[in-house]
C-alpha atoms as a PDB file:
ATOM      1  CA  MET A   1      42.360 -82.854   3.310  1.00  0.00           C
ATOM      2  CA  PRO A   2      40.778 -80.662   0.627  1.00  0.00           C
ATOM      3  CA  SER A   3      42.957 -78.572  -1.617  1.00  0.00           C
ATOM      4  CA  GLU A   4      43.061 -74.785  -1.218  1.00  0.00           C
ATOM      5  CA  ASP A   5      40.745 -74.206  -4.171  1.00  0.00           C
ATOM      6  CA  GLU A   6      38.038 -76.311  -2.457  1.00  0.00           C
ATOM      7  CA  LYS A   7      38.004 -74.163   0.687  1.00  0.00           C
ATOM      8  CA  TYR A   8      35.454 -71.441   1.209  1.00  0.00           C
ATOM      9  CA  ASP A   9      35.515 -68.413   3.488  1.00  0.00           C
ATOM     10  CA  VAL A  10      32.641 -68.577   5.957  1.00  0.00           C
ATOM     11  CA  LEU A  11      30.957 -65.232   6.584  1.00  0.00           C
ATOM     12  CA  LEU A  12      28.172 -64.398   9.016  1.00  0.00           C
ATOM     13  CA  THR A  13      25.675 -61.615   8.523  1.00  0.00           C
ATOM     14  CA  ASP A  14      25.142 -59.264  11.459  1.00  0.00           C
ATOM     15  CA  GLU A  15      21.844 -61.002  12.219  1.00  0.00           C
ATOM     16  CA  ALA A  16      23.457 -64.445  12.264  1.00  0.00           C
ATOM     17  CA  LEU A  17      26.241 -63.190  14.539  1.00  0.00           C
ATOM     18  CA  ILE A  18      23.704 -61.699  16.957  1.00  0.00           C
ATOM     19  CA  SER A  19      21.779 -64.996  16.988  1.00  0.00           C
ATOM     20  CA  LEU A  20      24.990 -66.939  17.611  1.00  0.00           C
ATOM     21  CA  ASN A  21      25.966 -64.705  20.517  1.00  0.00           C
ATOM     22  CA  ARG A  22      22.534 -65.145  22.126  1.00  0.00           C
ATOM     23  CA  LEU A  23      22.969 -68.919  22.443  1.00  0.00           C
ATOM     24  CA  ASP A  24      24.078 -70.390  25.750  1.00  0.00           C
ATOM     25  CA  LYS A  25      27.804 -71.098  25.881  1.00  0.00           C
ATOM     26  CA  PRO A  26      27.752 -74.883  25.231  1.00  0.00           C
ATOM     27  CA  MET A  27      25.451 -74.528  22.216  1.00  0.00           C
ATOM     28  CA  ARG A  28      27.364 -71.489  20.933  1.00  0.00           C
ATOM     29  CA  GLU A  29      30.617 -73.495  21.019  1.00  0.00           C
ATOM     30  CA  ARG A  30      28.944 -76.425  19.246  1.00  0.00           C
ATOM     31  CA  VAL A  31      27.611 -74.144  16.496  1.00  0.00           C
ATOM     32  CA  LYS A  32      31.000 -72.411  16.138  1.00  0.00           C
ATOM     33  CA  LYS A  33      32.762 -75.759  15.648  1.00  0.00           C
ATOM     34  CA  LYS A  34      30.296 -76.760  12.950  1.00  0.00           C
ATOM     35  CA  LEU A  35      30.622 -73.355  11.251  1.00  0.00           C
ATOM     36  CA  GLU A  36      34.419 -73.722  11.247  1.00  0.00           C
ATOM     37  CA  ARG A  37      34.005 -77.001   9.375  1.00  0.00           C
ATOM     38  CA  LEU A  38      31.656 -75.334   6.883  1.00  0.00           C
ATOM     39  CA  SER A  39      34.653 -74.010   4.925  1.00  0.00           C
ATOM     40  CA  THR A  40      35.393 -77.537   3.664  1.00  0.00           C
ATOM     41  CA  LEU A  41      32.138 -79.372   4.383  1.00  0.00           C
ATOM     42  CA  ARG A  42      30.307 -80.671   1.344  1.00  0.00           C
ATOM     43  CA  PRO A  43      26.848 -79.031   1.141  1.00  0.00           C
ATOM     44  CA  ALA A  44      24.174 -81.612   1.856  1.00  0.00           C
ATOM     45  CA  ARG A  45      20.693 -80.130   1.796  1.00  0.00           C
ATOM     46  CA  THR A  46      18.867 -77.177   0.289  1.00  0.00           C
ATOM     47  CA  LEU A  47      15.453 -75.686   0.881  1.00  0.00           C
ATOM     48  CA  LYS A  48      12.983 -77.423  -1.401  1.00  0.00           C
ATOM     49  CA  LYS A  49      11.544 -74.286  -2.976  1.00  0.00           C
ATOM     50  CA  HIS A  50      14.803 -72.313  -2.898  1.00  0.00           C
ATOM     51  CA  GLY A  51      17.658 -74.538  -4.002  1.00  0.00           C
ATOM     52  CA  ASP A  52      20.210 -71.763  -3.614  1.00  0.00           C
ATOM     53  CA  VAL A  53      19.669 -71.680   0.189  1.00  0.00           C
ATOM     54  CA  TRP A  54      21.589 -74.403   2.008  1.00  0.00           C
ATOM     55  CA  ILE A  55      20.843 -75.894   5.429  1.00  0.00           C
ATOM     56  CA  LEU A  56      23.448 -76.853   8.017  1.00  0.00           C
ATOM     57  CA  GLU A  57      21.995 -79.021  10.786  1.00  0.00           C
ATOM     58  CA  ILE A  58      23.482 -78.732  14.274  1.00  0.00           C
ATOM     59  CA  GLY A  59      21.388 -80.879  16.591  1.00  0.00           C
ATOM     60  CA  ASP A  60      18.050 -79.081  16.998  1.00  0.00           C
ATOM     61  CA  TYR A  61      19.538 -75.934  15.463  1.00  0.00           C
ATOM     62  CA  ARG A  62      19.754 -74.871  11.840  1.00  0.00           C
ATOM     63  CA  ALA A  63      22.003 -72.482   9.983  1.00  0.00           C
ATOM     64  CA  LEU A  64      20.909 -71.230   6.569  1.00  0.00           C
ATOM     65  CA  TYR A  65      23.566 -70.068   4.163  1.00  0.00           C
ATOM     66  CA  LEU A  66      24.255 -69.075   0.583  1.00  0.00           C
ATOM     67  CA  ILE A  67      27.200 -70.218  -1.528  1.00  0.00           C
ATOM     68  CA  ASP A  68      29.057 -67.900  -3.889  1.00  0.00           C
ATOM     69  CA  LYS A  69      31.291 -70.197  -5.934  1.00  0.00           C
ATOM     70  CA  SER A  70      33.052 -67.389  -7.790  1.00  0.00           C
ATOM     71  CA  ALA A  71      34.000 -65.578  -4.554  1.00  0.00           C
ATOM     72  CA  LYS A  72      34.543 -68.884  -2.681  1.00  0.00           C
ATOM     73  CA  THR A  73      32.309 -67.760   0.197  1.00  0.00           C
ATOM     74  CA  ARG A  74      29.534 -69.281   2.231  1.00  0.00           C
ATOM     75  CA  THR A  75      27.436 -66.640   3.942  1.00  0.00           C
ATOM     76  CA  VAL A  76      25.393 -67.706   6.967  1.00  0.00           C
ATOM     77  CA  PHE A  77      22.334 -65.492   7.335  1.00  0.00           C
ATOM     78  CA  PHE A  78      20.256 -67.424   9.879  1.00  0.00           C
ATOM     79  CA  ILE A  79      21.050 -69.413  13.031  1.00  0.00           C
ATOM     80  CA  GLY A  80      18.246 -70.678  15.237  1.00  0.00           C
ATOM     81  CA  ASP A  81      16.474 -73.660  16.705  1.00  0.00           C
ATOM     82  CA  HIS A  82      14.134 -75.763  14.621  1.00  0.00           C
ATOM     83  CA  LYS A  83      11.037 -73.785  15.664  1.00  0.00           C
ATOM     84  CA  GLU A  84      12.659 -70.475  14.713  1.00  0.00           C
ATOM     85  CA  TYR A  85      13.826 -72.057  11.466  1.00  0.00           C
ATOM     86  CA  GLU A  86      10.309 -73.192  10.539  1.00  0.00           C
ATOM     87  CA  LYS A  87       8.803 -69.835  11.506  1.00  0.00           C
ATOM     88  CA  ASN A  88      11.419 -67.830   9.604  1.00  0.00           C
ATOM     89  CA  TYR A  89      11.425 -70.223   6.659  1.00  0.00           C
ATOM     90  CA  LEU A  90       7.719 -69.686   6.209  1.00  0.00           C
ATOM     91  CA  LEU A  91       8.093 -65.890   6.484  1.00  0.00           C
ATOM     92  CA  MET A  92      11.219 -65.569   4.320  1.00  0.00           C
ATOM     93  CA  PHE A  93      10.355 -67.957   1.510  1.00  0.00           C
ATOM     94  CA  LYS A  94       6.603 -67.957   0.946  1.00  0.00           C
END
C-alpha cells in the first residue's frame, strides 16, 4: 500500500461531475471505482501534444485529468466515451 505522501486527492470539475451523473448506473459505478483508485494509481498515459494532461481509460470511456504535485491533487475535467473524447480532444487541444 502506498504511503500517505504518495496519495492524491481526486477532484472533479463541475463539468466532469455532470458527465459522470449522466452515465447509466452500471457505467457510472464502474467509472467511480476507477476514480477512487486514481488517488494512488500510477499515471500511465498523457496526451501526445499536451504532456500535462493525463488519460485514465475505463473501457470505452476516458477521463482526462491534471496533476498538481505540490497540492497533491488530481483534477478530472473530462469524462466521456471514446467518441466524445476524440471530438473534445480535437476542440480543446488544437
